[in-house]
Amino acid sequence: MSSHDDMVAALMRDLRVLGGCDAVLSALAGGADVDAMLALVQRHAVSAAERAERILTDRQCARAGDGLC
């Protein structure tokens, strides 16, 4: 698997985790469990945003083909 494929797979994993957090957060009564879930959401949201930005940049550079990236 290429580096790009690895990055896409990692992004998809982050998105699946974030998708599952909605149901878990809705089911939690509150307190420390909610805090822990929110921390998990924050980590995966940042990771997903960084990976999406990297993938987008790589795709734009590949299309530009000017070697400046």
PDB file of N, CA and C in Angstrom:
ATOM      1  N   MET A   1       0.847  -1.173   0.000  1.00  0.00           N
ATOM      2  CA  MET A   1       0.000   0.000   0.000  1.00  0.00           C
ATOM      3  C   MET A   1       0.898   1.244   0.000  1.00  0.00           C
ATOM      4  N   SER A   2       0.539   2.250  -0.772  1.00  0.00           N
ATOM      5  CA  SER A   2       1.343   3.462  -0.871  1.00  0.00           C
ATOM      6  C   SER A   2       1.112   4.371   0.337  1.00  0.00           C
ATOM      7  N   SER A   3       1.986   5.344   0.469  1.00  0.00           N
ATOM      8  CA  SER A   3       1.853   6.324   1.550  1.00  0.00           C
ATOM      9  C   SER A   3       0.512   7.047   1.458  1.00  0.00           C
ATOM     10  N   HIS A   4       0.106   7.364   0.225  1.00  0.00           N
ATOM     11  CA  HIS A   4      -1.186   8.037   0.019  1.00  0.00           C
ATOM     12  C   HIS A   4      -2.322   7.132   0.477  1.00  0.00           C
ATOM     13  N   ASP A   5      -2.253   5.864   0.125  1.00  0.00           N
ATOM     14  CA  ASP A   5      -3.289   4.912   0.542  1.00  0.00           C
ATOM     15  C   ASP A   5      -3.343   4.798   2.063  1.00  0.00           C
ATOM     16  N   ASP A   6      -2.174   4.803   2.696  1.00  0.00           N
ATOM     17  CA  ASP A   6      -2.117   4.746   4.160  1.00  0.00           C
ATOM     18  C   ASP A   6      -2.791   5.970   4.771  1.00  0.00           C
ATOM     19  N   MET A   7      -2.539   7.135   4.180  1.00  0.00           N
ATOM     20  CA  MET A   7      -3.121   8.378   4.688  1.00  0.00           C
ATOM     21  C   MET A   7      -4.634   8.366   4.525  1.00  0.00           C
ATOM     22  N   VAL A   8      -5.109   7.884   3.398  1.00  0.00           N
ATOM     23  CA  VAL A   8      -6.555   7.797   3.161  1.00  0.00           C
ATOM     24  C   VAL A   8      -7.188   6.812   4.141  1.00  0.00           C
ATOM     25  N   ALA A   9      -6.535   5.667   4.351  1.00  0.00           N
ATOM     26  CA  ALA A   9      -7.064   4.677   5.296  1.00  0.00           C
ATOM     27  C   ALA A   9      -7.132   5.257   6.708  1.00  0.00           C
ATOM     28  N   ALA A  10      -6.117   6.003   7.099  1.00  0.00           N
ATOM     29  CA  ALA A  10      -6.101   6.621   8.428  1.00  0.00           C
ATOM     30  C   ALA A  10      -7.205   7.676   8.545  1.00  0.00           C
ATOM     31  N   LEU A  11      -7.418   8.457   7.484  1.00  0.00           N
ATOM     32  CA  LEU A  11      -8.499   9.448   7.485  1.00  0.00           C
ATOM     33  C   LEU A  11      -9.849   8.755   7.627  1.00  0.00           C
ATOM     34  N   MET A  12     -10.045   7.689   6.891  1.00  0.00           N
ATOM     35  CA  MET A  12     -11.311   6.973   6.964  1.00  0.00           C
ATOM     36  C   MET A  12     -11.523   6.394   8.368  1.00  0.00           C
ATOM     37  N   ARG A  13     -10.460   5.921   8.997  1.00  0.00           N
ATOM     38  CA  ARG A  13     -10.557   5.411  10.368  1.00  0.00           C
ATOM     39  C   ARG A  13     -10.974   6.524  11.323  1.00  0.00           C
ATOM     40  N   ASP A  14     -10.358   7.696  11.179  1.00  0.00           N
ATOM     41  CA  ASP A  14     -10.742   8.840  12.017  1.00  0.00           C
ATOM     42  C   ASP A  14     -12.216   9.171  11.833  1.00  0.00           C
ATOM     43  N   LEU A  15     -12.675   9.158  10.595  1.00  0.00           N
ATOM     44  CA  LEU A  15     -14.071   9.504  10.328  1.00  0.00           C
ATOM     45  C   LEU A  15     -15.032   8.463  10.899  1.00  0.00           C
ATOM     46  N   ARG A  16     -14.644   7.183  10.840  1.00  0.00           N
ATOM     47  CA  ARG A  16     -15.489   6.144  11.438  1.00  0.00           C
ATOM     48  C   ARG A  16     -15.578   6.316  12.950  1.00  0.00           C
ATOM     49  N   VAL A  17     -14.449   6.631  13.580  1.00  0.00           N
ATOM     50  CA  VAL A  17     -14.454   6.867  15.033  1.00  0.00           C
ATOM     51  C   VAL A  17     -15.365   8.040  15.358  1.00  0.00           C
ATOM     52  N   LEU A  18     -15.233   9.121  14.610  1.00  0.00           N
ATOM     53  CA  LEU A  18     -16.069  10.295  14.861  1.00  0.00           C
ATOM     54  C   LEU A  18     -17.545   9.974  14.660  1.00  0.00           C
ATOM     55  N   GLY A  19     -17.851   9.171  13.646  1.00  0.00           N
ATOM     56  CA  GLY A  19     -19.237   8.786  13.406  1.00  0.00           C
ATOM     57  C   GLY A  19     -19.812   7.979  14.558  1.00  0.00           C
ATOM     58  N   GLY A  20     -19.011   7.117  15.145  1.00  0.00           N
ATOM     59  CA  GLY A  20     -19.458   6.306  16.270  1.00  0.00           C
ATOM     60  C   GLY A  20     -19.595   7.095  17.556  1.00  0.00           C
ATOM     61  N   CYS A  21     -18.854   8.173  17.668  1.00  0.00           N
ATOM     62  CA  CYS A  21     -18.898   8.971  18.899  1.00  0.00           C
ATOM     63  C   CYS A  21     -20.255   9.622  19.112  1.00  0.00           C
ATOM     64  N   ASP A  22     -20.948   9.911  18.042  1.00  0.00           N
ATOM     65  CA  ASP A  22     -22.267  10.532  18.169  1.00  0.00           C
ATOM     66  C   ASP A  22     -23.201   9.650  18.994  1.00  0.00           C
ATOM     67  N   ALA A  23     -23.267   8.380  18.644  1.00  0.00           N
ATOM     68  CA  ALA A  23     -24.155   7.460  19.366  1.00  0.00           C
ATOM     69  C   ALA A  23     -23.707   7.276  20.809  1.00  0.00           C
ATOM     70  N   VAL A  24     -22.408   7.177  21.015  1.00  0.00           N
ATOM     71  CA  VAL A  24     -21.895   6.978  22.377  1.00  0.00           C
ATOM     72  C   VAL A  24     -22.183   8.202  23.231  1.00  0.00           C
ATOM     73  N   LEU A  25     -21.900   9.381  22.702  1.00  0.00           N
ATOM     74  CA  LEU A  25     -22.162  10.603  23.470  1.00  0.00           C
ATOM     75  C   LEU A  25     -23.646  10.744  23.810  1.00  0.00           C
ATOM     76  N   SER A  26     -24.499  10.366  22.887  1.00  0.00           N
ATOM     77  CA  SER A  26     -25.939  10.448  23.135  1.00  0.00           C
ATOM     78  C   SER A  26     -26.378   9.495  24.234  1.00  0.00           C
ATOM     79  N   ALA A  27     -25.684   8.367  24.369  1.00  0.00           N
ATOM     80  CA  ALA A  27     -26.071   7.352  25.348  1.00  0.00           C
ATOM     81  C   ALA A  27     -25.488   7.609  26.745  1.00  0.00           C
ATOM     82  N   LEU A  28     -24.460   8.429  26.835  1.00  0.00           N
ATOM     83  CA  LEU A  28     -23.814   8.661  28.127  1.00  0.00           C
ATOM     84  C   LEU A  28     -24.633   9.603  29.002  1.00  0.00           C
ATOM     85  N   ALA A  29     -24.619   9.319  30.274  1.00  0.00           N
ATOM     86  CA  ALA A  29     -25.381  10.130  31.230  1.00  0.00           C
ATOM     87  C   ALA A  29     -24.685  11.448  31.541  1.00  0.00           C
ATOM     88  N   GLY A  30     -23.381  11.482  31.454  1.00  0.00           N
ATOM     89  CA  GLY A  30     -22.644  12.711  31.749  1.00  0.00           C
ATOM     90  C   GLY A  30     -21.397  12.421  32.539  1.00  0.00           C
ATOM     91  N   GLY A  31     -20.820  13.467  33.065  1.00  0.00           N
ATOM     92  CA  GLY A  31     -19.657  13.323  33.923  1.00  0.00           C
ATOM     93  C   GLY A  31     -18.372  13.036  33.176  1.00  0.00           C
ATOM     94  N   ALA A  32     -17.494  12.284  33.841  1.00  0.00           N
ATOM     95  CA  ALA A  32     -16.154  12.011  33.323  1.00  0.00           C
ATOM     96  C   ALA A  32     -16.194  11.216  32.020  1.00  0.00           C
ATOM     97  N   ASP A  33     -17.192  10.363  31.856  1.00  0.00           N
ATOM     98  CA  ASP A  33     -17.290   9.599  30.607  1.00  0.00           C
ATOM     99  C   ASP A  33     -17.492  10.523  29.412  1.00  0.00           C
ATOM    100  N   VAL A  34     -18.316  11.524  29.584  1.00  0.00           N
ATOM    101  CA  VAL A  34     -18.539  12.488  28.501  1.00  0.00           C
ATOM    102  C   VAL A  34     -17.252  13.264  28.230  1.00  0.00           C
ATOM    103  N   ASP A  35     -16.559  13.658  29.279  1.00  0.00           N
ATOM    104  CA  ASP A  35     -15.293  14.370  29.102  1.00  0.00           C
ATOM    105  C   ASP A  35     -14.294  13.526  28.317  1.00  0.00           C
ATOM    106  N   ALA A  36     -14.211  12.252  28.649  1.00  0.00           N
ATOM    107  CA  ALA A  36     -13.292  11.354  27.946  1.00  0.00           C
ATOM    108  C   ALA A  36     -13.682  11.210  26.475  1.00  0.00           C
ATOM    109  N   MET A  37     -14.969  11.094  26.210  1.00  0.00           N
ATOM    110  CA  MET A  37     -15.426  10.982  24.825  1.00  0.00           C
ATOM    111  C   MET A  37     -15.162  12.269  24.054  1.00  0.00           C
ATOM    112  N   LEU A  38     -15.377  13.408  24.691  1.00  0.00           N
ATOM    113  CA  LEU A  38     -15.107  14.680  24.021  1.00  0.00           C
ATOM    114  C   LEU A  38     -13.626  14.831  23.702  1.00  0.00           C
ATOM    115  N   ALA A  39     -12.762  14.351  24.581  1.00  0.00           N
ATOM    116  CA  ALA A  39     -11.319  14.375  24.315  1.00  0.00           C
ATOM    117  C   ALA A  39     -10.988  13.489  23.116  1.00  0.00           C
ATOM    118  N   LEU A  40     -11.639  12.330  23.041  1.00  0.00           N
ATOM    119  CA  LEU A  40     -11.442  11.433  21.902  1.00  0.00           C
ATOM    120  C   LEU A  40     -11.919  12.091  20.607  1.00  0.00           C
ATOM    121  N   VAL A  41     -13.074  12.733  20.668  1.00  0.00           N
ATOM    122  CA  VAL A  41     -13.597  13.446  19.499  1.00  0.00           C
ATOM    123  C   VAL A  41     -12.613  14.520  19.061  1.00  0.00           C
ATOM    124  N   GLN A  42     -12.104  15.270  20.001  1.00  0.00           N
ATOM    125  CA  GLN A  42     -11.176  16.350  19.677  1.00  0.00           C
ATOM    126  C   GLN A  42      -9.919  15.809  18.997  1.00  0.00           C
ATOM    127  N   ARG A  43      -9.355  14.745  19.534  1.00  0.00           N
ATOM    128  CA  ARG A  43      -8.135  14.168  18.949  1.00  0.00           C
ATOM    129  C   ARG A  43      -8.381  13.678  17.528  1.00  0.00           C
ATOM    130  N   HIS A  44      -9.479  12.974  17.330  1.00  0.00           N
ATOM    131  CA  HIS A  44      -9.753  12.434  15.998  1.00  0.00           C
ATOM    132  C   HIS A  44     -10.186  13.519  15.016  1.00  0.00           C
ATOM    133  N   ALA A  45     -10.840  14.557  15.488  1.00  0.00           N
ATOM    134  CA  ALA A  45     -11.217  15.668  14.609  1.00  0.00           C
ATOM    135  C   ALA A  45      -9.977  16.403  14.109  1.00  0.00           C
ATOM    136  N   VAL A  46      -9.034  16.649  15.002  1.00  0.00           N
ATOM    137  CA  VAL A  46      -7.788  17.307  14.606  1.00  0.00           C
ATOM    138  C   VAL A  46      -7.022  16.418  13.629  1.00  0.00           C
ATOM    139  N   SER A  47      -6.931  15.147  13.954  1.00  0.00           N
ATOM    140  CA  SER A  47      -6.232  14.198  13.089  1.00  0.00           C
ATOM    141  C   SER A  47      -6.884  14.134  11.714  1.00  0.00           C
ATOM    142  N   ALA A  48      -8.204  14.055  11.668  1.00  0.00           N
ATOM    143  CA  ALA A  48      -8.920  13.995  10.390  1.00  0.00           C
ATOM    144  C   ALA A  48      -8.692  15.267   9.579  1.00  0.00           C
ATOM    145  N   ALA A  49      -8.738  16.411  10.227  1.00  0.00           N
ATOM    146  CA  ALA A  49      -8.526  17.674   9.518  1.00  0.00           C
ATOM    147  C   ALA A  49      -7.115  17.753   8.946  1.00  0.00           C
ATOM    148  N   GLU A  50      -6.130  17.344   9.721  1.00  0.00           N
ATOM    149  CA  GLU A  50      -4.736  17.375   9.251  1.00  0.00           C
ATOM    150  C   GLU A  50      -4.524  16.412   8.096  1.00  0.00           C
ATOM    151  N   ARG A  51      -5.092  15.223   8.213  1.00  0.00           N
ATOM    152  CA  ARG A  51      -4.933  14.239   7.138  1.00  0.00           C
ATOM    153  C   ARG A  51      -5.656  14.690   5.875  1.00  0.00           C
ATOM    154  N   ALA A  52      -6.859  15.232   6.015  1.00  0.00           N
ATOM    155  CA  ALA A  52      -7.604  15.712   4.850  1.00  0.00           C
ATOM    156  C   ALA A  52      -6.845  16.842   4.159  1.00  0.00           C
ATOM    157  N   GLU A  53      -6.263  17.723   4.936  1.00  0.00           N
ATOM    158  CA  GLU A  53      -5.476  18.824   4.354  1.00  0.00           C
ATOM    159  C   GLU A  53      -4.277  18.280   3.594  1.00  0.00           C
ATOM    160  N   ARG A  54      -3.597  17.298   4.158  1.00  0.00           N
ATOM    161  CA  ARG A  54      -2.429  16.710   3.504  1.00  0.00           C
ATOM    162  C   ARG A  54      -2.824  16.015   2.204  1.00  0.00           C
ATOM    163  N   ILE A  55      -3.911  15.254   2.242  1.00  0.00           N
ATOM    164  CA  ILE A  55      -4.378  14.552   1.042  1.00  0.00           C
ATOM    165  C   ILE A  55      -4.772  15.561  -0.033  1.00  0.00           C
ATOM    166  N   LEU A  56      -5.482  16.604   0.357  1.00  0.00           N
ATOM    167  CA  LEU A  56      -5.881  17.638  -0.601  1.00  0.00           C
ATOM    168  C   LEU A  56      -4.659  18.316  -1.212  1.00  0.00           C
ATOM    169  N   THR A  57      -3.699  18.672  -0.388  1.00  0.00           N
ATOM    170  CA  THR A  57      -2.478  19.316  -0.883  1.00  0.00           C
ATOM    171  C   THR A  57      -1.745  18.407  -1.856  1.00  0.00           C
ATOM    172  N   ASP A  58      -1.615  17.130  -1.493  1.00  0.00           N
ATOM    173  CA  ASP A  58      -0.948  16.174  -2.381  1.00  0.00           C
ATOM    174  C   ASP A  58      -1.666  16.067  -3.721  1.00  0.00           C
ATOM    175  N   ARG A  59      -2.999  16.025  -3.682  1.00  0.00           N
ATOM    176  CA  ARG A  59      -3.769  15.922  -4.934  1.00  0.00           C
ATOM    177  C   ARG A  59      -3.613  17.178  -5.774  1.00  0.00           C
ATOM    178  N   GLN A  60      -3.629  18.340  -5.135  1.00  0.00           N
ATOM    179  CA  GLN A  60      -3.473  19.588  -5.889  1.00  0.00           C
ATOM    180  C   GLN A  60      -2.079  19.680  -6.505  1.00  0.00           C
ATOM    181  N   CYS A  61      -1.074  19.258  -5.756  1.00  0.00           N
ATOM    182  CA  CYS A  61       0.296  19.281  -6.280  1.00  0.00           C
ATOM    183  C   CYS A  61       0.443  18.317  -7.453  1.00  0.00           C
ATOM    184  N   ALA A  62      -0.170  17.154  -7.336  1.00  0.00           N
ATOM    185  CA  ALA A  62      -0.089  16.176  -8.429  1.00  0.00           C
ATOM    186  C   ALA A  62      -0.745  16.704  -9.696  1.00  0.00           C
ATOM    187  N   ARG A  63      -1.864  17.406  -9.524  1.00  0.00           N
ATOM    188  CA  ARG A  63      -2.550  17.993 -10.684  1.00  0.00           C
ATOM    189  C   ARG A  63      -1.742  19.135 -11.287  1.00  0.00           C
ATOM    190  N   ALA A  64      -1.096  19.916 -10.425  1.00  0.00           N
ATOM    191  CA  ALA A  64      -0.320  21.058 -10.925  1.00  0.00           C
ATOM    192  C   ALA A  64       0.873  20.565 -11.747  1.00  0.00           C
ATOM    193  N   GLY A  65       1.501  19.496 -11.256  1.00  0.00           N
ATOM    194  CA  GLY A  65       2.601  18.896 -11.989  1.00  0.00           C
ATOM    195  C   GLY A  65       3.791  19.799 -12.205  1.00  0.00           C
ATOM    196  N   ASP A  66       3.918  20.857 -11.421  1.00  0.00           N
ATOM    197  CA  ASP A  66       5.019  21.788 -11.635  1.00  0.00           C
ATOM    198  C   ASP A  66       6.231  21.491 -10.754  1.00  0.00           C
ATOM    199  N   GLY A  67       6.130  20.483  -9.898  1.00  0.00           N
ATOM    200  CA  GLY A  67       7.259  20.107  -9.055  1.00  0.00           C
ATOM    201  C   GLY A  67       7.576  21.074  -7.939  1.00  0.00           C
ATOM    202  N   LEU A  68       6.722  22.045  -7.701  1.00  0.00           N
ATOM    203  CA  LEU A  68       6.972  23.037  -6.658  1.00  0.00           C
ATOM    204  C   LEU A  68       6.474  22.592  -5.283  1.00  0.00           C
ATOM    205  N   CYS A  69       5.752  21.512  -5.230  1.00  0.00           N
ATOM    206  CA  CYS A  69       5.174  21.053  -3.969  1.00  0.00           C
ATOM    207  C   CYS A  69       6.148  20.155  -3.221  1.00  0.00           C
TER     208      CYS A  69
END
